[in-house]
């Protein structure tokens, strides 16, 4: 069954029961990459790191098809006290910088949409990607938010700093073209494995969106 998009994501955001805040440009990006899940009409599983006051989870619960599973992750134990009318929204307390947390949390999980709006430190963003993207469902979307922190020294960033999320993500461009080169680079080879199935990378001000449609080769065609 196909659902019609009768309300914009921003309209859902403006009607949330819990407080929240977003950069206004994010809504257009969200809908550009996530509307496909609404159009299909099947329940999805969304995981978002960074719960804060809980309004974002409210929004996703309203936006996605009924019975979609919405999971928020936060390091603040206070977030566990949040209450939702939607029984499919849950909050998990965990530290995104802890590899063992991810190993436990991801065990048996089926994830369609993942949003990293957590601590915004470079090591957190990179570790989170390396743990989550390999188990993201084919057809899934991975969004890293507030990537302007890659240029802030406080967060471990800086212009062209090799350990920043933005510099790390530039390897994805070469991952998309891995079928075309014969050279070998240990760093690139490692990221190609972690980003296996990556089909598209989109950059926006303060957002990087990764789409995982599986490994595909270009097939040259000509008119019959």
N, C-alpha and C. Protein backbone atom coordinates (compact mmCIF):
# COMPACT_ATOMS: atom_id res chain seq x y z
N UNK A 1 0.85 -1.19 0.00
CA UNK A 1 0.00 0.00 0.00
C UNK A 1 0.88 1.24 0.00
N UNK A 2 0.56 2.21 -0.84
CA UNK A 2 1.30 3.46 -0.92
C UNK A 2 0.57 4.54 -0.15
N UNK A 3 1.31 5.27 0.69
CA UNK A 3 0.72 6.33 1.48
C UNK A 3 1.00 7.68 0.82
N UNK A 4 0.07 8.57 0.91
CA UNK A 4 0.26 9.91 0.37
C UNK A 4 0.85 10.80 1.45
N UNK A 5 1.78 11.67 1.05
CA UNK A 5 2.39 12.60 1.99
C UNK A 5 1.47 13.81 2.13
N UNK A 6 0.59 13.75 3.10
CA UNK A 6 -0.39 14.82 3.27
C UNK A 6 0.10 15.90 4.23
N UNK A 7 1.10 15.59 5.03
CA UNK A 7 1.64 16.57 5.97
C UNK A 7 3.16 16.58 5.86
N UNK A 8 3.75 17.74 5.97
CA UNK A 8 5.21 17.86 5.91
C UNK A 8 5.80 17.48 7.26
N UNK A 9 7.07 17.11 7.22
CA UNK A 9 7.77 16.76 8.45
C UNK A 9 7.79 17.95 9.40
N UNK A 10 7.93 19.14 8.86
CA UNK A 10 7.95 20.33 9.71
C UNK A 10 6.63 20.50 10.46
N UNK A 11 5.53 20.14 9.83
CA UNK A 11 4.24 20.22 10.50
C UNK A 11 4.18 19.26 11.68
N UNK A 12 4.73 18.07 11.50
CA UNK A 12 4.78 17.12 12.61
C UNK A 12 5.68 17.65 13.72
N UNK A 13 6.81 18.24 13.34
CA UNK A 13 7.74 18.79 14.32
C UNK A 13 7.08 19.88 15.16
N UNK A 14 6.28 20.71 14.50
CA UNK A 14 5.63 21.82 15.20
C UNK A 14 4.54 21.36 16.15
N UNK A 15 4.17 20.07 16.08
CA UNK A 15 3.09 19.58 16.93
C UNK A 15 3.57 18.55 17.96
N UNK A 16 4.88 18.47 18.18
CA UNK A 16 5.40 17.47 19.12
C UNK A 16 5.02 17.81 20.55
N UNK A 17 4.91 16.77 21.37
CA UNK A 17 4.54 16.96 22.77
C UNK A 17 5.74 17.29 23.65
N UNK A 18 6.94 16.86 23.22
CA UNK A 18 8.15 17.10 23.99
C UNK A 18 8.98 18.20 23.33
N UNK A 19 9.76 18.96 24.08
CA UNK A 19 10.59 20.03 23.51
C UNK A 19 11.65 19.47 22.56
N UNK A 20 12.04 20.28 21.61
CA UNK A 20 13.10 19.91 20.68
C UNK A 20 13.56 21.14 19.92
N UNK A 21 14.68 21.02 19.23
CA UNK A 21 15.12 22.09 18.33
C UNK A 21 15.91 21.46 17.20
N UNK A 22 15.78 22.05 16.02
CA UNK A 22 16.46 21.57 14.83
C UNK A 22 16.89 22.78 14.00
N UNK A 23 17.93 22.64 13.21
CA UNK A 23 18.25 23.66 12.21
C UNK A 23 17.18 23.56 11.12
N UNK A 24 16.65 24.70 10.71
CA UNK A 24 15.50 24.68 9.80
C UNK A 24 15.79 24.03 8.46
N UNK A 25 17.04 24.06 8.03
CA UNK A 25 17.38 23.47 6.72
C UNK A 25 17.34 21.94 6.75
N UNK A 26 17.33 21.35 7.93
CA UNK A 26 17.37 19.90 8.03
C UNK A 26 16.09 19.24 7.50
N UNK A 27 14.97 19.91 7.64
CA UNK A 27 13.70 19.27 7.29
C UNK A 27 13.63 18.92 5.81
N UNK A 28 14.12 19.81 4.97
CA UNK A 28 14.12 19.54 3.53
C UNK A 28 15.00 18.34 3.21
N UNK A 29 16.13 18.25 3.89
CA UNK A 29 17.05 17.13 3.66
C UNK A 29 16.41 15.82 4.13
N UNK A 30 15.82 15.85 5.31
CA UNK A 30 15.14 14.67 5.83
C UNK A 30 14.12 14.15 4.81
N UNK A 31 13.25 15.03 4.36
CA UNK A 31 12.18 14.59 3.47
C UNK A 31 12.72 14.11 2.13
N UNK A 32 13.77 14.73 1.66
CA UNK A 32 14.36 14.32 0.38
C UNK A 32 14.83 12.87 0.44
N UNK A 33 15.39 12.46 1.57
CA UNK A 33 15.98 11.13 1.66
C UNK A 33 15.10 10.10 2.37
N UNK A 34 14.13 10.56 3.14
CA UNK A 34 13.34 9.63 3.94
C UNK A 34 11.89 9.46 3.49
N UNK A 35 11.43 10.33 2.60
CA UNK A 35 10.04 10.24 2.15
C UNK A 35 9.74 8.90 1.49
N UNK A 36 10.75 8.25 0.93
CA UNK A 36 10.52 6.96 0.26
C UNK A 36 9.94 5.93 1.23
N UNK A 37 10.33 6.00 2.49
CA UNK A 37 9.81 5.05 3.47
C UNK A 37 8.34 5.30 3.76
N UNK A 38 7.94 6.56 3.73
CA UNK A 38 6.54 6.92 3.97
C UNK A 38 5.70 6.50 2.77
N UNK A 39 6.22 6.72 1.57
CA UNK A 39 5.48 6.40 0.37
C UNK A 39 5.20 4.91 0.25
N UNK A 40 6.15 4.09 0.65
CA UNK A 40 5.95 2.64 0.60
C UNK A 40 4.91 2.21 1.61
N UNK A 41 4.90 2.87 2.77
CA UNK A 41 3.86 2.62 3.75
C UNK A 41 4.11 1.48 4.71
N UNK A 42 5.28 0.83 4.63
CA UNK A 42 5.59 -0.25 5.56
C UNK A 42 6.29 0.30 6.80
N UNK A 43 6.05 -0.30 7.95
CA UNK A 43 6.75 0.15 9.17
C UNK A 43 8.26 0.05 9.02
N UNK A 44 8.97 0.99 9.59
CA UNK A 44 10.42 0.99 9.56
C UNK A 44 10.95 1.03 10.99
N UNK A 45 12.23 0.80 11.11
CA UNK A 45 12.91 0.99 12.39
C UNK A 45 13.90 2.12 12.25
N UNK A 46 13.70 3.16 13.04
CA UNK A 46 14.61 4.31 13.06
C UNK A 46 15.30 4.35 14.40
N UNK A 47 16.61 4.60 14.37
CA UNK A 47 17.40 4.79 15.58
C UNK A 47 18.05 6.16 15.52
N UNK A 48 17.89 6.93 16.58
CA UNK A 48 18.51 8.26 16.64
C UNK A 48 19.33 8.39 17.92
N UNK A 49 20.60 8.74 17.76
CA UNK A 49 21.45 9.02 18.90
C UNK A 49 21.29 10.49 19.26
N UNK A 50 21.00 10.76 20.50
CA UNK A 50 20.78 12.13 20.95
C UNK A 50 19.31 12.40 21.18
N UNK A 51 18.82 12.13 22.38
CA UNK A 51 17.40 12.27 22.67
C UNK A 51 17.07 13.65 23.21
N UNK A 52 17.94 14.17 24.06
CA UNK A 52 17.75 15.47 24.70
C UNK A 52 16.40 15.51 25.42
N UNK A 53 15.47 16.35 24.98
CA UNK A 53 14.17 16.46 25.64
C UNK A 53 13.10 15.58 25.01
N UNK A 54 13.44 14.90 23.93
CA UNK A 54 12.55 13.88 23.40
C UNK A 54 11.67 14.26 22.22
N UNK A 55 11.67 15.54 21.80
CA UNK A 55 10.76 15.97 20.75
C UNK A 55 11.03 15.34 19.39
N UNK A 56 12.28 15.07 19.10
CA UNK A 56 12.62 14.48 17.81
C UNK A 56 11.99 13.10 17.65
N UNK A 57 11.99 12.31 18.71
CA UNK A 57 11.38 10.98 18.65
C UNK A 57 9.88 11.10 18.42
N UNK A 58 9.26 12.10 19.06
CA UNK A 58 7.85 12.41 18.81
C UNK A 58 7.61 12.61 17.31
N UNK A 59 8.44 13.44 16.72
CA UNK A 59 8.29 13.79 15.31
C UNK A 59 8.39 12.55 14.42
N UNK A 60 9.40 11.72 14.66
CA UNK A 60 9.56 10.53 13.83
C UNK A 60 8.40 9.57 14.01
N UNK A 61 7.89 9.47 15.22
CA UNK A 61 6.75 8.59 15.47
C UNK A 61 5.51 9.02 14.71
N UNK A 62 5.36 10.32 14.49
CA UNK A 62 4.21 10.84 13.75
C UNK A 62 4.43 10.74 12.24
N UNK A 63 5.69 10.89 11.80
CA UNK A 63 5.99 10.97 10.38
C UNK A 63 5.97 9.61 9.68
N UNK A 64 6.58 8.62 10.30
CA UNK A 64 6.70 7.32 9.64
C UNK A 64 5.42 6.50 9.77
N UNK A 65 5.26 5.48 8.92
CA UNK A 65 4.03 4.69 8.92
C UNK A 65 3.71 4.10 10.30
N UNK A 66 2.44 3.83 10.55
CA UNK A 66 2.04 3.23 11.83
C UNK A 66 2.83 1.96 12.12
N UNK A 67 3.09 1.73 13.39
CA UNK A 67 3.82 0.57 13.90
C UNK A 67 5.31 0.65 13.62
N UNK A 68 5.79 1.77 13.10
CA UNK A 68 7.24 1.94 12.96
C UNK A 68 7.87 1.98 14.34
N UNK A 69 9.04 1.40 14.44
CA UNK A 69 9.75 1.35 15.72
C UNK A 69 10.74 2.53 15.78
N UNK A 70 10.62 3.35 16.80
CA UNK A 70 11.45 4.54 16.97
C UNK A 70 12.27 4.36 18.24
N UNK A 71 13.60 4.31 18.09
CA UNK A 71 14.48 4.08 19.24
C UNK A 71 15.43 5.26 19.39
N UNK A 72 15.43 5.85 20.57
CA UNK A 72 16.37 6.92 20.88
C UNK A 72 17.45 6.42 21.81
N UNK A 73 18.68 6.87 21.58
CA UNK A 73 19.81 6.51 22.43
C UNK A 73 20.39 7.76 23.04
N UNK A 74 20.64 7.74 24.33
CA UNK A 74 21.26 8.89 24.99
C UNK A 74 22.06 8.41 26.19
N UNK A 75 23.11 9.16 26.51
CA UNK A 75 23.95 8.81 27.65
C UNK A 75 23.38 9.31 28.97
N UNK A 76 22.44 10.26 28.89
CA UNK A 76 21.84 10.86 30.07
C UNK A 76 20.73 9.96 30.62
N UNK A 77 20.90 9.42 31.83
CA UNK A 77 19.88 8.52 32.38
C UNK A 77 18.53 9.19 32.58
N UNK A 78 18.50 10.53 32.64
CA UNK A 78 17.23 11.24 32.79
C UNK A 78 16.31 10.98 31.60
N UNK A 79 16.89 10.71 30.44
CA UNK A 79 16.08 10.49 29.23
C UNK A 79 15.22 9.24 29.37
N UNK A 80 15.61 8.33 30.24
CA UNK A 80 14.82 7.11 30.43
C UNK A 80 13.47 7.40 31.08
N UNK A 81 13.32 8.59 31.64
CA UNK A 81 12.07 8.95 32.30
C UNK A 81 11.03 9.53 31.34
N UNK A 82 11.42 9.76 30.09
CA UNK A 82 10.49 10.33 29.12
C UNK A 82 9.34 9.37 28.86
N UNK A 83 8.14 9.91 28.75
CA UNK A 83 6.95 9.11 28.50
C UNK A 83 6.33 9.49 27.17
N UNK A 84 5.87 8.49 26.43
CA UNK A 84 5.26 8.70 25.12
C UNK A 84 3.94 7.96 25.04
N UNK A 85 2.99 8.59 24.37
CA UNK A 85 1.72 7.91 24.11
C UNK A 85 1.89 6.80 23.08
N UNK A 86 2.85 6.99 22.18
CA UNK A 86 3.14 6.01 21.15
C UNK A 86 3.92 4.84 21.76
N UNK A 87 3.35 3.65 21.82
CA UNK A 87 4.03 2.51 22.46
C UNK A 87 5.24 2.02 21.67
N UNK A 88 5.41 2.49 20.44
CA UNK A 88 6.52 2.04 19.60
C UNK A 88 7.75 2.93 19.72
N UNK A 89 7.69 3.92 20.62
CA UNK A 89 8.85 4.77 20.89
C UNK A 89 9.51 4.30 22.17
N UNK A 90 10.82 4.10 22.12
CA UNK A 90 11.54 3.71 23.31
C UNK A 90 12.88 4.45 23.41
N UNK A 91 13.39 4.56 24.62
CA UNK A 91 14.67 5.23 24.86
C UNK A 91 15.62 4.24 25.51
N UNK A 92 16.83 4.15 24.96
CA UNK A 92 17.87 3.28 25.48
C UNK A 92 19.00 4.15 26.01
N UNK A 93 19.48 3.85 27.19
CA UNK A 93 20.59 4.60 27.76
C UNK A 93 21.89 3.90 27.39
N UNK A 94 22.80 4.65 26.75
CA UNK A 94 24.06 4.07 26.33
C UNK A 94 25.03 5.12 25.88
N UNK A 95 26.29 4.76 25.82
CA UNK A 95 27.38 5.68 25.45
C UNK A 95 27.84 5.34 24.04
N UNK A 96 27.64 6.24 23.11
CA UNK A 96 27.99 5.96 21.72
C UNK A 96 29.50 5.85 21.50
N UNK A 97 30.30 6.27 22.48
CA UNK A 97 31.75 6.15 22.35
C UNK A 97 32.26 4.82 22.89
N UNK A 98 31.35 3.95 23.34
CA UNK A 98 31.71 2.66 23.92
C UNK A 98 31.43 1.54 22.92
N UNK A 99 32.47 0.92 22.37
CA UNK A 99 32.24 -0.16 21.38
C UNK A 99 31.39 -1.29 21.93
N UNK A 100 31.53 -1.61 23.22
CA UNK A 100 30.77 -2.72 23.78
C UNK A 100 29.28 -2.40 23.83
N UNK A 101 28.94 -1.11 24.00
CA UNK A 101 27.52 -0.75 23.96
C UNK A 101 26.95 -1.09 22.60
N UNK A 102 27.66 -0.70 21.54
CA UNK A 102 27.15 -0.96 20.19
C UNK A 102 27.04 -2.45 19.92
N UNK A 103 28.03 -3.22 20.37
CA UNK A 103 27.98 -4.66 20.13
C UNK A 103 26.73 -5.26 20.76
N UNK A 104 26.38 -4.78 21.96
CA UNK A 104 25.19 -5.28 22.64
C UNK A 104 23.91 -4.77 22.01
N UNK A 105 23.87 -3.46 21.76
CA UNK A 105 22.65 -2.86 21.22
C UNK A 105 22.31 -3.37 19.83
N UNK A 106 23.30 -3.52 18.98
CA UNK A 106 23.05 -3.88 17.58
C UNK A 106 22.77 -5.35 17.38
N UNK A 107 23.02 -6.16 18.37
CA UNK A 107 22.82 -7.60 18.24
C UNK A 107 21.35 -7.92 17.90
N UNK A 108 21.13 -8.41 16.69
CA UNK A 108 19.79 -8.79 16.26
C UNK A 108 18.92 -7.64 15.79
N UNK A 109 19.46 -6.41 15.75
CA UNK A 109 18.66 -5.26 15.33
C UNK A 109 18.53 -5.19 13.82
N UNK A 110 17.37 -4.75 13.36
CA UNK A 110 17.11 -4.47 11.94
C UNK A 110 16.83 -2.97 11.84
N UNK A 111 17.73 -2.22 11.20
CA UNK A 111 17.64 -0.76 11.19
C UNK A 111 17.51 -0.24 9.76
N UNK A 112 16.51 0.60 9.53
CA UNK A 112 16.30 1.20 8.21
C UNK A 112 16.85 2.62 8.14
N UNK A 113 16.70 3.37 9.21
CA UNK A 113 17.15 4.77 9.25
C UNK A 113 17.96 4.96 10.52
N UNK A 114 19.14 5.53 10.37
CA UNK A 114 19.97 5.84 11.54
C UNK A 114 20.40 7.29 11.48
N UNK A 115 20.22 7.99 12.60
CA UNK A 115 20.59 9.41 12.68
C UNK A 115 21.53 9.61 13.85
N UNK A 116 22.71 10.15 13.57
CA UNK A 116 23.67 10.47 14.62
C UNK A 116 23.57 11.95 14.95
N UNK A 117 22.86 12.24 16.02
CA UNK A 117 22.73 13.61 16.54
C UNK A 117 23.20 13.60 18.00
N UNK A 118 24.27 12.85 18.24
CA UNK A 118 24.73 12.63 19.60
C UNK A 118 25.73 13.67 20.08
N UNK A 119 26.89 13.17 20.56
CA UNK A 119 27.86 14.05 21.19
C UNK A 119 28.63 14.95 20.24
N UNK A 120 28.68 14.58 18.95
CA UNK A 120 29.33 15.39 17.91
C UNK A 120 30.84 15.48 18.06
N UNK A 121 31.43 14.59 18.85
CA UNK A 121 32.89 14.50 18.89
C UNK A 121 33.34 13.56 17.79
N UNK A 122 34.53 13.84 17.24
CA UNK A 122 34.97 13.12 16.05
C UNK A 122 35.07 11.61 16.29
N UNK A 123 35.64 11.21 17.42
CA UNK A 123 35.79 9.78 17.67
C UNK A 123 34.44 9.11 17.83
N UNK A 124 33.47 9.82 18.40
CA UNK A 124 32.12 9.27 18.55
C UNK A 124 31.47 9.04 17.19
N UNK A 125 31.57 10.02 16.32
CA UNK A 125 30.92 9.92 15.01
C UNK A 125 31.54 8.81 14.17
N UNK A 126 32.86 8.69 14.22
CA UNK A 126 33.53 7.68 13.41
C UNK A 126 33.24 6.28 13.95
N UNK A 127 33.35 6.10 15.26
CA UNK A 127 33.05 4.79 15.85
C UNK A 127 31.60 4.39 15.58
N UNK A 128 30.68 5.33 15.72
CA UNK A 128 29.27 5.03 15.51
C UNK A 128 29.04 4.55 14.09
N UNK A 129 29.62 5.25 13.12
CA UNK A 129 29.48 4.82 11.73
C UNK A 129 30.04 3.41 11.54
N UNK A 130 31.24 3.18 12.06
CA UNK A 130 31.91 1.90 11.82
C UNK A 130 31.17 0.73 12.46
N UNK A 131 30.41 0.99 13.50
CA UNK A 131 29.64 -0.05 14.14
C UNK A 131 28.28 -0.24 13.47
N UNK A 132 27.65 0.87 13.08
CA UNK A 132 26.25 0.80 12.63
C UNK A 132 26.11 0.53 11.15
N UNK A 133 26.89 1.20 10.31
CA UNK A 133 26.64 1.09 8.87
C UNK A 133 26.72 -0.34 8.34
N UNK A 134 27.66 -1.16 8.81
CA UNK A 134 27.70 -2.53 8.29
C UNK A 134 26.44 -3.33 8.55
N UNK A 135 25.67 -2.98 9.59
CA UNK A 135 24.45 -3.75 9.88
C UNK A 135 23.18 -3.02 9.45
N UNK A 136 23.31 -1.83 8.88
CA UNK A 136 22.16 -1.11 8.35
C UNK A 136 21.53 -1.92 7.22
N UNK A 137 20.21 -1.98 7.19
CA UNK A 137 19.54 -2.74 6.15
C UNK A 137 19.85 -2.19 4.76
N UNK A 138 19.88 -3.08 3.77
CA UNK A 138 19.99 -2.63 2.39
C UNK A 138 18.75 -1.79 2.06
N UNK A 139 18.99 -0.63 1.46
CA UNK A 139 17.91 0.33 1.24
C UNK A 139 17.84 1.36 2.35
N UNK A 140 18.71 1.21 3.35
CA UNK A 140 18.69 2.11 4.49
C UNK A 140 19.40 3.43 4.26
N UNK A 141 19.17 4.35 5.19
CA UNK A 141 19.75 5.69 5.12
C UNK A 141 20.43 6.00 6.45
N UNK A 142 21.66 6.52 6.36
CA UNK A 142 22.45 6.90 7.54
C UNK A 142 22.71 8.39 7.46
N UNK A 143 22.34 9.12 8.51
CA UNK A 143 22.52 10.59 8.53
C UNK A 143 23.39 10.98 9.70
N UNK A 144 24.45 11.72 9.43
CA UNK A 144 25.27 12.30 10.49
C UNK A 144 25.00 13.80 10.50
N UNK A 145 24.54 14.28 11.66
CA UNK A 145 24.12 15.68 11.77
C UNK A 145 25.17 16.56 12.45
N UNK A 146 24.96 17.85 12.27
CA UNK A 146 25.80 18.87 12.92
C UNK A 146 27.28 18.64 12.62
N UNK A 147 27.56 18.34 11.36
CA UNK A 147 28.94 18.05 10.97
C UNK A 147 29.81 19.30 10.89
N UNK A 148 29.22 20.47 11.17
CA UNK A 148 30.07 21.67 11.30
C UNK A 148 31.03 21.53 12.46
N UNK A 149 30.74 20.59 13.38
CA UNK A 149 31.66 20.37 14.49
C UNK A 149 32.99 19.80 14.03
N UNK A 150 33.04 19.31 12.78
CA UNK A 150 34.31 18.85 12.22
C UNK A 150 35.31 19.99 12.06
N UNK A 151 34.85 21.20 12.19
CA UNK A 151 35.72 22.37 12.04
C UNK A 151 35.98 23.06 13.38
N UNK A 152 35.53 22.43 14.47
CA UNK A 152 35.67 23.02 15.80
C UNK A 152 36.70 22.24 16.60
N UNK A 153 37.71 22.94 17.11
CA UNK A 153 38.77 22.28 17.85
C UNK A 153 38.24 21.62 19.12
N UNK A 154 37.24 22.22 19.74
CA UNK A 154 36.69 21.67 20.97
C UNK A 154 36.20 20.24 20.76
N UNK A 155 35.64 19.96 19.59
CA UNK A 155 35.08 18.65 19.30
C UNK A 155 36.12 17.71 18.68
N UNK A 156 37.35 18.16 18.56
CA UNK A 156 38.38 17.34 17.95
C UNK A 156 38.51 17.56 16.46
N UNK A 157 37.89 18.65 15.97
CA UNK A 157 37.94 18.94 14.54
C UNK A 157 38.90 20.07 14.19
N UNK A 158 38.79 20.54 12.98
CA UNK A 158 39.65 21.59 12.45
C UNK A 158 39.72 21.44 10.95
N UNK A 159 39.88 22.52 10.24
CA UNK A 159 39.91 22.47 8.77
C UNK A 159 41.00 21.51 8.29
N UNK A 160 40.60 20.52 7.52
CA UNK A 160 41.48 19.51 6.94
C UNK A 160 42.16 18.63 7.99
N UNK A 161 41.66 18.65 9.21
CA UNK A 161 42.23 17.77 10.22
C UNK A 161 41.88 16.33 9.89
N UNK A 162 42.88 15.47 9.80
CA UNK A 162 42.68 14.12 9.27
C UNK A 162 41.75 13.26 10.13
N UNK A 163 41.65 13.58 11.42
CA UNK A 163 40.82 12.76 12.30
C UNK A 163 39.39 13.28 12.43
N UNK A 164 39.03 14.28 11.65
CA UNK A 164 37.66 14.79 11.73
C UNK A 164 36.71 13.88 10.95
N UNK A 165 35.42 13.96 11.29
CA UNK A 165 34.42 13.17 10.57
C UNK A 165 34.38 13.55 9.10
N UNK A 166 34.46 14.83 8.80
CA UNK A 166 34.39 15.28 7.40
C UNK A 166 35.56 14.72 6.60
N UNK A 167 36.77 14.80 7.14
CA UNK A 167 37.91 14.25 6.41
C UNK A 167 37.77 12.74 6.25
N UNK A 168 37.32 12.07 7.29
CA UNK A 168 37.08 10.63 7.23
C UNK A 168 36.06 10.31 6.15
N UNK A 169 34.99 11.09 6.09
CA UNK A 169 33.91 10.80 5.13
C UNK A 169 34.35 10.99 3.68
N UNK A 170 35.41 11.73 3.46
CA UNK A 170 35.88 11.92 2.08
C UNK A 170 36.37 10.61 1.46
N UNK A 171 36.75 9.66 2.28
CA UNK A 171 37.11 8.35 1.77
C UNK A 171 35.93 7.68 1.08
N UNK A 172 34.71 8.05 1.48
CA UNK A 172 33.53 7.42 0.90
C UNK A 172 33.43 7.70 -0.60
N UNK A 173 33.96 8.83 -1.03
CA UNK A 173 33.94 9.15 -2.46
C UNK A 173 34.71 8.09 -3.24
N UNK A 174 35.86 7.70 -2.70
CA UNK A 174 36.64 6.65 -3.35
C UNK A 174 35.98 5.29 -3.20
N UNK A 175 35.27 5.07 -2.09
CA UNK A 175 34.55 3.81 -1.92
C UNK A 175 33.52 3.63 -3.02
N UNK A 176 32.84 4.71 -3.39
CA UNK A 176 31.85 4.64 -4.46
C UNK A 176 32.47 4.21 -5.79
N UNK A 177 33.76 4.47 -5.94
CA UNK A 177 34.44 4.17 -7.21
C UNK A 177 35.40 2.98 -7.08
N UNK A 178 35.19 2.14 -6.08
CA UNK A 178 36.16 1.07 -5.81
C UNK A 178 36.27 0.05 -6.94
N UNK A 179 35.24 -0.04 -7.78
CA UNK A 179 35.32 -1.00 -8.89
C UNK A 179 36.20 -0.51 -10.03
N UNK A 180 36.71 0.72 -9.91
CA UNK A 180 37.43 1.30 -11.03
C UNK A 180 38.93 1.43 -10.79
N UNK A 181 39.38 1.20 -9.56
CA UNK A 181 40.82 1.35 -9.35
C UNK A 181 41.46 0.04 -8.94
N UNK A 182 42.73 -0.08 -9.29
CA UNK A 182 43.49 -1.29 -8.97
C UNK A 182 44.53 -1.03 -7.89
N UNK A 183 44.71 0.25 -7.52
CA UNK A 183 45.66 0.59 -6.47
C UNK A 183 45.16 0.05 -5.13
N UNK A 184 46.07 -0.11 -4.20
CA UNK A 184 45.70 -0.56 -2.87
C UNK A 184 46.25 0.40 -1.83
N UNK A 185 45.39 0.83 -0.94
CA UNK A 185 45.78 1.69 0.16
C UNK A 185 45.14 1.12 1.42
N UNK A 186 45.92 0.82 2.45
CA UNK A 186 45.36 0.16 3.64
C UNK A 186 44.19 0.92 4.26
N UNK A 187 44.30 2.23 4.38
CA UNK A 187 43.20 3.01 4.97
C UNK A 187 41.95 2.92 4.11
N UNK A 188 42.13 3.06 2.79
CA UNK A 188 40.99 3.00 1.90
C UNK A 188 40.38 1.61 1.89
N UNK A 189 41.22 0.60 1.86
CA UNK A 189 40.71 -0.77 1.85
C UNK A 189 39.88 -1.05 3.09
N UNK A 190 40.32 -0.55 4.23
CA UNK A 190 39.60 -0.77 5.49
C UNK A 190 38.24 -0.08 5.46
N UNK A 191 38.21 1.14 4.96
CA UNK A 191 36.94 1.88 4.91
C UNK A 191 36.01 1.27 3.87
N UNK A 192 36.55 0.76 2.78
CA UNK A 192 35.71 0.10 1.78
C UNK A 192 34.93 -1.06 2.39
N UNK A 193 35.57 -1.77 3.30
CA UNK A 193 34.91 -2.88 3.97
C UNK A 193 33.81 -2.36 4.90
N UNK A 194 34.13 -1.34 5.67
CA UNK A 194 33.16 -0.81 6.63
C UNK A 194 31.98 -0.13 5.94
N UNK A 195 32.23 0.42 4.75
CA UNK A 195 31.18 1.11 4.01
C UNK A 195 30.62 0.24 2.89
N UNK A 196 30.78 -1.05 3.02
CA UNK A 196 30.30 -1.96 1.97
C UNK A 196 28.81 -1.76 1.74
N UNK A 197 28.42 -1.67 0.49
CA UNK A 197 27.02 -1.45 0.14
C UNK A 197 26.66 0.01 -0.05
N UNK A 198 27.60 0.91 0.25
CA UNK A 198 27.35 2.33 0.07
C UNK A 198 27.04 2.63 -1.39
N UNK A 199 25.95 3.37 -1.63
CA UNK A 199 25.56 3.66 -3.01
C UNK A 199 25.52 5.15 -3.32
N UNK A 200 25.48 6.01 -2.30
CA UNK A 200 25.43 7.45 -2.56
C UNK A 200 25.86 8.20 -1.29
N UNK A 201 26.53 9.33 -1.51
CA UNK A 201 26.91 10.23 -0.42
C UNK A 201 26.44 11.62 -0.79
N UNK A 202 25.70 12.26 0.10
CA UNK A 202 25.21 13.62 -0.15
C UNK A 202 25.69 14.53 0.97
N UNK A 203 26.29 15.65 0.58
CA UNK A 203 26.78 16.63 1.56
C UNK A 203 25.88 17.86 1.56
N UNK A 204 25.54 18.31 2.76
CA UNK A 204 24.78 19.54 2.95
C UNK A 204 25.48 20.31 4.07
N UNK A 205 25.11 21.57 4.21
CA UNK A 205 25.65 22.33 5.33
C UNK A 205 25.26 21.64 6.63
N UNK A 206 26.25 21.08 7.31
CA UNK A 206 26.10 20.46 8.62
C UNK A 206 25.46 19.07 8.60
N UNK A 207 25.33 18.46 7.42
CA UNK A 207 24.78 17.10 7.33
C UNK A 207 25.51 16.29 6.26
N UNK A 208 25.72 15.01 6.56
CA UNK A 208 26.19 14.06 5.56
C UNK A 208 25.20 12.90 5.54
N UNK A 209 24.68 12.58 4.36
CA UNK A 209 23.68 11.52 4.22
C UNK A 209 24.28 10.39 3.38
N UNK A 210 24.24 9.19 3.92
CA UNK A 210 24.76 8.01 3.24
C UNK A 210 23.62 7.06 2.92
N UNK A 211 23.57 6.60 1.69
CA UNK A 211 22.53 5.66 1.27
C UNK A 211 23.16 4.30 0.98
N UNK A 212 22.49 3.26 1.43
CA UNK A 212 23.03 1.91 1.32
C UNK A 212 22.09 1.05 0.48
N UNK A 213 22.26 1.13 -0.81
CA UNK A 213 21.42 0.35 -1.72
C UNK A 213 22.12 -0.90 -2.23
N UNK A 214 23.31 -1.19 -1.72
CA UNK A 214 24.02 -2.40 -2.12
C UNK A 214 25.03 -2.14 -3.22
N UNK A 215 25.92 -3.09 -3.40
CA UNK A 215 26.98 -2.95 -4.40
C UNK A 215 26.41 -3.15 -5.80
N UNK A 216 26.66 -2.18 -6.65
CA UNK A 216 26.18 -2.25 -8.03
C UNK A 216 27.28 -1.81 -8.98
N UNK A 217 27.30 -2.37 -10.15
CA UNK A 217 28.24 -1.96 -11.19
C UNK A 217 27.49 -1.20 -12.28
N UNK A 218 28.17 -0.27 -12.89
CA UNK A 218 27.58 0.44 -14.02
C UNK A 218 27.48 -0.51 -15.21
N UNK A 219 26.35 -0.54 -15.85
CA UNK A 219 26.14 -1.33 -17.05
C UNK A 219 25.90 -0.40 -18.22
N UNK A 220 26.79 -0.48 -19.19
CA UNK A 220 26.64 0.37 -20.37
C UNK A 220 25.50 -0.15 -21.24
N UNK A 221 24.61 0.72 -21.64
CA UNK A 221 23.49 0.33 -22.50
C UNK A 221 23.47 1.22 -23.73
N UNK A 222 22.77 0.78 -24.73
CA UNK A 222 22.60 1.56 -25.95
C UNK A 222 21.21 1.30 -26.50
N UNK A 223 20.69 2.19 -27.32
CA UNK A 223 19.32 2.00 -27.87
C UNK A 223 19.22 0.69 -28.65
N UNK A 224 18.09 0.03 -28.55
CA UNK A 224 17.90 -1.22 -29.29
C UNK A 224 17.61 -0.91 -30.75
